[in-house]
N, C-alpha and C. Protein backbone atom coordinates (compact mmCIF):
# COMPACT_ATOMS: atom_id res chain seq x y z
N UNK A 1 6.39 38.74 7.43
CA UNK A 1 6.21 37.73 8.53
C UNK A 1 4.45 37.21 8.90
N UNK A 2 4.34 36.43 9.81
CA UNK A 2 2.91 35.80 9.90
C UNK A 2 3.16 34.20 9.28
N UNK A 3 4.12 34.20 8.51
CA UNK A 3 3.78 32.79 7.71
C UNK A 3 3.57 31.70 8.88
N UNK A 4 4.53 31.66 9.59
CA UNK A 4 4.61 30.81 10.53
C UNK A 4 3.62 30.39 11.56
N UNK A 5 3.22 31.57 11.99
CA UNK A 5 2.13 31.58 12.69
C UNK A 5 0.69 30.81 12.19
N UNK A 6 0.55 31.37 10.62
CA UNK A 6 -0.54 30.76 9.98
C UNK A 6 -0.58 29.01 9.71
N UNK A 7 0.61 28.89 9.51
CA UNK A 7 1.04 27.09 9.28
C UNK A 7 1.04 26.77 10.28
N UNK A 8 1.09 27.14 11.69
CA UNK A 8 1.03 26.30 13.02
C UNK A 8 -0.61 26.27 13.18
N UNK A 9 -1.21 27.10 12.89
CA UNK A 9 -2.89 27.24 13.41
C UNK A 9 -2.99 26.10 12.11
N UNK A 10 -2.99 26.14 11.01
CA UNK A 10 -3.43 25.08 10.07
C UNK A 10 -3.10 23.59 10.51
N UNK A 11 -1.86 23.27 11.34
CA UNK A 11 -1.45 22.06 11.34
C UNK A 11 -2.59 21.54 12.71
N UNK A 12 -2.85 22.49 13.62
CA UNK A 12 -3.73 22.15 14.90
C UNK A 12 -5.25 21.82 14.36
N UNK A 13 -5.65 22.33 12.92
CA UNK A 13 -6.88 21.99 12.90
C UNK A 13 -7.15 20.56 12.06
N UNK A 14 -6.64 19.50 12.65
CA UNK A 14 -7.27 17.88 12.38
C UNK A 14 -8.21 17.44 12.92
N UNK A 15 -9.12 16.74 11.90
CA UNK A 15 -10.00 16.20 12.44
C UNK A 15 -10.08 15.30 13.54
N UNK A 16 -11.62 15.26 14.32
CA UNK A 16 -11.52 14.55 15.70
C UNK A 16 -11.67 13.39 15.11
N UNK A 17 -12.07 12.60 13.81
CA UNK A 17 -12.01 11.18 13.81
C UNK A 17 -10.53 10.67 13.40
N UNK A 18 -9.65 11.39 13.71
CA UNK A 18 -8.33 11.07 13.18
C UNK A 18 -7.82 11.11 12.22
N UNK A 19 -8.44 12.18 11.21
CA UNK A 19 -7.96 12.57 10.04
C UNK A 19 -8.11 11.27 8.88
N UNK A 20 -9.25 10.55 9.22
CA UNK A 20 -9.67 9.48 7.85
C UNK A 20 -10.64 9.99 7.14
N UNK A 21 -10.10 10.33 6.04
CA UNK A 21 -11.18 10.93 4.88
C UNK A 21 -10.83 9.99 3.91
N UNK A 22 -11.63 10.32 2.52
CA UNK A 22 -11.21 9.51 1.69
C UNK A 22 -9.95 10.25 0.98
N UNK A 23 -9.97 11.51 1.20
CA UNK A 23 -8.62 11.98 0.73
C UNK A 23 -7.25 11.43 1.02
N UNK A 24 -7.24 11.14 2.60
CA UNK A 24 -5.85 10.44 2.87
C UNK A 24 -5.93 9.19 3.28
N UNK A 25 -7.09 8.22 2.94
CA UNK A 25 -7.47 6.90 2.84
C UNK A 25 -8.38 6.82 1.81
N UNK A 26 -7.97 6.75 0.61
CA UNK A 26 -9.03 6.23 -0.60
C UNK A 26 -9.78 5.10 -0.41
N UNK A 27 -9.31 4.21 0.25
CA UNK A 27 -10.05 2.93 0.28
C UNK A 27 -11.29 2.95 1.45
N UNK A 28 -11.16 4.07 2.52
CA UNK A 28 -12.42 4.20 3.49
C UNK A 28 -13.60 4.11 2.63
N UNK A 29 -13.81 4.56 1.38
CA UNK A 29 -14.92 4.38 0.63
C UNK A 29 -15.72 3.11 0.24
N UNK A 30 -14.72 2.53 0.53
CA UNK A 30 -15.41 0.86 0.19
C UNK A 30 -15.65 0.26 1.87
N UNK A 31 -16.59 -0.72 1.64
CA UNK A 31 -16.62 -1.27 3.30
C UNK A 31 -15.50 -2.12 3.37
N UNK A 32 -15.67 -1.78 4.80
CA UNK A 32 -14.54 -2.30 5.92
C UNK A 32 -14.05 -3.64 5.68
N UNK A 33 -15.15 -4.48 5.56
CA UNK A 33 -14.92 -5.80 5.21
C UNK A 33 -14.33 -6.33 4.05
N UNK A 34 -14.09 -5.58 3.00
CA UNK A 34 -13.50 -5.37 1.47
C UNK A 34 -11.79 -4.83 1.59
N UNK A 35 -11.58 -4.31 3.06
CA UNK A 35 -10.36 -3.44 3.00
C UNK A 35 -9.15 -5.13 2.99
N UNK A 36 -7.95 -4.69 2.34
CA UNK A 36 -6.94 -5.83 2.63
C UNK A 36 -5.83 -5.59 3.61
N UNK A 37 -5.27 -6.48 3.82
CA UNK A 37 -4.24 -6.39 4.89
C UNK A 37 -3.70 -5.04 5.01
N UNK A 38 -3.00 -4.60 4.06
CA UNK A 38 -2.40 -3.71 3.75
C UNK A 38 -3.13 -2.32 4.19
N UNK A 39 -4.39 -2.37 3.82
CA UNK A 39 -5.19 -1.21 3.71
C UNK A 39 -5.74 -0.98 5.48
N UNK A 40 -5.52 -2.14 5.92
CA UNK A 40 -6.02 -2.16 7.54
C UNK A 40 -4.58 -1.53 8.39
N UNK A 41 -3.64 -1.84 7.59
CA UNK A 41 -2.35 -0.99 8.25
C UNK A 41 -2.18 0.37 8.07
N UNK A 42 -2.66 0.60 6.69
CA UNK A 42 -2.78 2.14 6.61
C UNK A 42 -3.53 3.05 7.72
N UNK A 43 -4.72 1.91 7.65
CA UNK A 43 -5.84 2.73 8.76
C UNK A 43 -5.55 3.20 10.13
N UNK A 44 -4.78 1.76 10.67
CA UNK A 44 -3.99 1.59 11.90
C UNK A 44 -2.80 2.88 12.05
N UNK A 45 -2.01 3.11 10.96
CA UNK A 45 -1.36 4.25 11.01
C UNK A 45 -2.05 5.33 11.34
N UNK A 46 -3.05 5.84 10.60
CA UNK A 46 -3.88 6.80 10.60
C UNK A 46 -4.35 7.41 12.08
N UNK A 47 -4.54 5.88 12.75
CA UNK A 47 -5.17 6.16 14.06
C UNK A 47 -3.77 6.19 15.34
N UNK A 48 -2.97 6.33 14.52
CA UNK A 48 -1.56 6.38 15.58
C UNK A 48 -1.04 5.08 16.22
N UNK A 49 -1.34 4.21 15.98
CA UNK A 49 -0.72 3.04 16.16
C UNK A 49 0.79 2.32 15.93
N UNK A 50 1.36 2.01 16.74
CA UNK A 50 3.00 1.80 16.59
C UNK A 50 3.05 1.00 15.46
N UNK A 51 4.20 1.20 14.67
CA UNK A 51 4.42 0.13 13.47
C UNK A 51 4.51 -0.83 13.71
N UNK A 52 5.14 -1.50 14.98
CA UNK A 52 5.52 -2.89 15.61
C UNK A 52 4.22 -3.42 15.65
N UNK A 53 3.15 -2.52 16.12
CA UNK A 53 1.82 -3.10 16.38
C UNK A 53 1.27 -3.46 14.86
N UNK A 54 1.28 -2.59 14.05
CA UNK A 54 1.00 -2.61 12.94
C UNK A 54 1.20 -3.96 11.99
N UNK A 55 2.69 -4.09 12.09
CA UNK A 55 3.13 -5.36 11.71
C UNK A 55 2.72 -6.63 12.25
N UNK A 56 2.08 -6.33 13.38
CA UNK A 56 1.87 -7.59 13.93
C UNK A 56 0.22 -8.19 13.32
N UNK A 57 -0.41 -6.76 13.04
CA UNK A 57 -1.74 -7.10 12.50
C UNK A 57 -1.49 -7.70 11.03
N UNK A 58 -0.26 -7.23 10.48
CA UNK A 58 -0.32 -7.56 8.80
C UNK A 58 0.28 -9.18 8.83
N UNK A 59 1.45 -9.50 10.43
CA UNK A 59 1.76 -10.89 10.39
C UNK A 59 0.59 -11.96 10.74
N UNK A 60 -0.42 -11.28 11.17
CA UNK A 60 -1.75 -12.07 11.65
C UNK A 60 -2.88 -12.02 10.44
N UNK A 61 -2.37 -11.46 9.13
CA UNK A 61 -3.44 -11.39 8.25
C UNK A 61 -4.58 -10.85 8.59
N UNK A 62 -4.57 -9.81 9.38
CA UNK A 62 -5.83 -9.07 9.55
C UNK A 62 -6.22 -7.95 8.60
N UNK A 63 -7.36 -8.41 7.69
CA UNK A 63 -7.52 -7.47 6.90
C UNK A 63 -8.96 -7.00 7.12
N UNK A 64 -9.91 -6.55 6.39
CA UNK A 64 -10.89 -5.55 6.73
C UNK A 64 -12.08 -6.59 7.63
N UNK A 65 -12.17 -7.89 7.05
CA UNK A 65 -13.25 -8.76 7.66
C UNK A 65 -12.86 -9.30 8.92
N UNK A 66 -11.49 -9.58 8.96
CA UNK A 66 -10.81 -9.93 10.61
C UNK A 66 -11.12 -8.77 11.33
N UNK A 67 -10.68 -7.39 10.92
CA UNK A 67 -10.68 -6.31 11.63
C UNK A 67 -12.07 -6.33 12.52
N UNK A 68 -13.18 -6.15 11.72
CA UNK A 68 -14.28 -5.84 12.81
C UNK A 68 -14.53 -6.64 13.70
N UNK A 69 -13.88 -8.12 13.46
CA UNK A 69 -14.38 -9.42 14.56
C UNK A 69 -13.56 -9.08 15.78
N UNK A 70 -12.54 -8.19 15.85
CA UNK A 70 -11.53 -8.35 16.95
C UNK A 70 -12.28 -7.78 18.12
N UNK A 71 -11.57 -8.44 19.18
CA UNK A 71 -11.90 -7.97 20.56
C UNK A 71 -10.88 -7.69 21.34
N UNK A 72 -10.97 -7.02 22.75
CA UNK A 72 -10.02 -6.59 23.60
C UNK A 72 -8.91 -7.74 23.52
N UNK A 73 -9.12 -8.94 23.70
CA UNK A 73 -8.25 -9.92 24.08
C UNK A 73 -7.34 -10.03 22.62
N UNK A 74 -7.73 -9.98 21.78
CA UNK A 74 -7.19 -10.32 20.17
C UNK A 74 -6.16 -8.79 20.17
N UNK A 75 -6.60 -7.59 20.58
CA UNK A 75 -5.63 -6.62 20.44
C UNK A 75 -4.40 -6.85 21.09
N UNK A 76 -4.76 -7.02 22.89
CA UNK A 76 -3.99 -7.58 23.86
C UNK A 76 -2.57 -8.31 22.97
N UNK A 77 -3.11 -9.28 22.58
CA UNK A 77 -2.09 -10.81 22.03
C UNK A 77 -1.46 -10.03 20.66
N UNK A 78 -1.83 -9.03 19.83
CA UNK A 78 -1.44 -8.30 18.99
C UNK A 78 -0.20 -7.34 19.72
N UNK A 79 -0.13 -6.90 20.92
CA UNK A 79 0.52 -6.07 21.11
C UNK A 79 0.04 -4.73 21.80
N UNK A 80 -1.17 -4.66 21.64
CA UNK A 80 -1.80 -3.41 21.73
C UNK A 80 -1.93 -3.44 23.69
N UNK A 81 -0.77 -3.04 24.13
CA UNK A 81 -0.41 -3.12 25.41
C UNK A 81 -1.57 -2.44 26.61
N UNK A 82 -1.63 -1.23 26.24
CA UNK A 82 -2.46 -0.26 27.06
C UNK A 82 -3.89 -0.22 26.89
N UNK A 83 -4.65 -0.59 27.98
CA UNK A 83 -5.93 -0.88 28.06
C UNK A 83 -6.75 0.48 27.49
N UNK A 84 -6.32 1.61 27.67
CA UNK A 84 -6.79 2.75 27.11
C UNK A 84 -6.63 2.81 25.68
N UNK A 85 -5.50 2.52 24.95
CA UNK A 85 -5.41 2.28 23.34
C UNK A 85 -6.18 1.39 23.06
N UNK A 86 -6.23 0.02 23.48
CA UNK A 86 -7.55 -0.97 23.09
C UNK A 86 -8.61 -0.48 23.03
N UNK A 87 -9.10 0.28 24.15
CA UNK A 87 -10.38 0.71 24.03
C UNK A 87 -10.75 1.86 22.96
N UNK A 88 -9.74 2.80 22.92
CA UNK A 88 -9.93 3.66 21.58
C UNK A 88 -10.02 3.31 20.26
N UNK A 89 -9.31 2.31 20.21
CA UNK A 89 -8.88 1.04 18.74
C UNK A 89 -10.52 0.78 18.64
N UNK A 90 -10.90 -0.29 19.45
CA UNK A 90 -12.20 -1.04 19.76
C UNK A 90 -13.26 -0.11 19.59
N UNK A 91 -13.51 1.19 19.83
CA UNK A 91 -14.39 2.30 19.39
C UNK A 91 -13.92 2.63 18.05
N UNK A 92 -13.32 2.76 17.42
CA UNK A 92 -12.81 3.12 16.10
C UNK A 92 -13.00 2.17 15.28
N UNK A 93 -13.15 0.67 15.75
CA UNK A 93 -13.37 -0.12 14.88
C UNK A 93 -15.23 -0.40 14.91
N UNK A 94 -15.68 -0.16 16.14
CA UNK A 94 -17.03 -0.23 15.99
C UNK A 94 -17.41 0.78 15.07
N UNK A 95 -16.80 2.16 15.04
CA UNK A 95 -17.19 3.24 13.95
C UNK A 95 -17.45 2.45 12.81
N UNK A 96 -16.09 1.92 12.17
CA UNK A 96 -16.07 1.48 10.80
C UNK A 96 -17.04 0.27 10.59
N UNK A 97 -17.41 -0.51 11.74
CA UNK A 97 -18.37 -1.61 11.63
C UNK A 97 -19.75 -1.06 11.14
N UNK A 98 -19.94 0.16 11.70
CA UNK A 98 -21.41 1.03 11.63
C UNK A 98 -21.35 2.08 10.71
N UNK A 99 -20.37 2.29 10.27
CA UNK A 99 -20.44 3.42 9.10
C UNK A 99 -20.94 2.94 7.75
N UNK A 100 -21.53 3.92 7.24
CA UNK A 100 -22.36 3.67 6.03
C UNK A 100 -21.46 3.11 4.78
N UNK A 101 -22.30 1.85 4.25
CA UNK A 101 -21.50 1.11 3.61
C UNK A 101 -22.55 0.29 2.49
N UNK A 102 -22.31 -0.45 2.00
CA UNK A 102 -23.03 -1.31 1.39
C UNK A 102 -24.08 -2.12 2.36
N UNK A 103 -25.38 -1.91 2.22
CA UNK A 103 -26.34 -2.42 3.29
C UNK A 103 -26.30 -3.91 3.02
N UNK A 104 -26.54 -4.51 3.99
CA UNK A 104 -26.53 -6.09 3.79
C UNK A 104 -27.98 -6.15 3.28
N UNK A 105 -28.26 -7.16 2.49
CA UNK A 105 -29.40 -7.70 1.57
C UNK A 105 -30.37 -8.44 2.41
N UNK A 106 -31.39 -7.66 2.91
CA UNK A 106 -32.51 -8.43 3.96
C UNK A 106 -33.38 -9.19 3.25
N UNK A 107 -33.62 -8.86 1.72
CA UNK A 107 -34.53 -9.64 1.01
C UNK A 107 -34.40 -11.10 0.99
N UNK A 108 -35.34 -12.05 0.90
CA UNK A 108 -35.22 -13.24 1.20
C UNK A 108 -36.06 -13.92 -0.40
N UNK A 109 -35.46 -14.13 -1.27
CA UNK A 109 -36.38 -14.70 -2.47
C UNK A 109 -36.19 -16.35 -2.44
């Protein structure tokens, strides 16, 4: 015995960042602006976004570059109805925006 209890403990030890790791979503190693529409869809699913909303993002061709420009109104128009959910999603998007990635080249030649 005891196997079920050990499995239950492991299942609740999820990451606080929604389980987004390079193991579950290999493309997160890329700069978010390089993500494809499908990769954005996978990321949204990993954040617990409803499938119908993910489809709405895909229909609107939301790739990584578009994702980081979205605001509250954009999310509302794409089916993220609850304000709390929009705020959570916007916070996650902001983290992506500020995440480590290729730094913009600021040298002027």
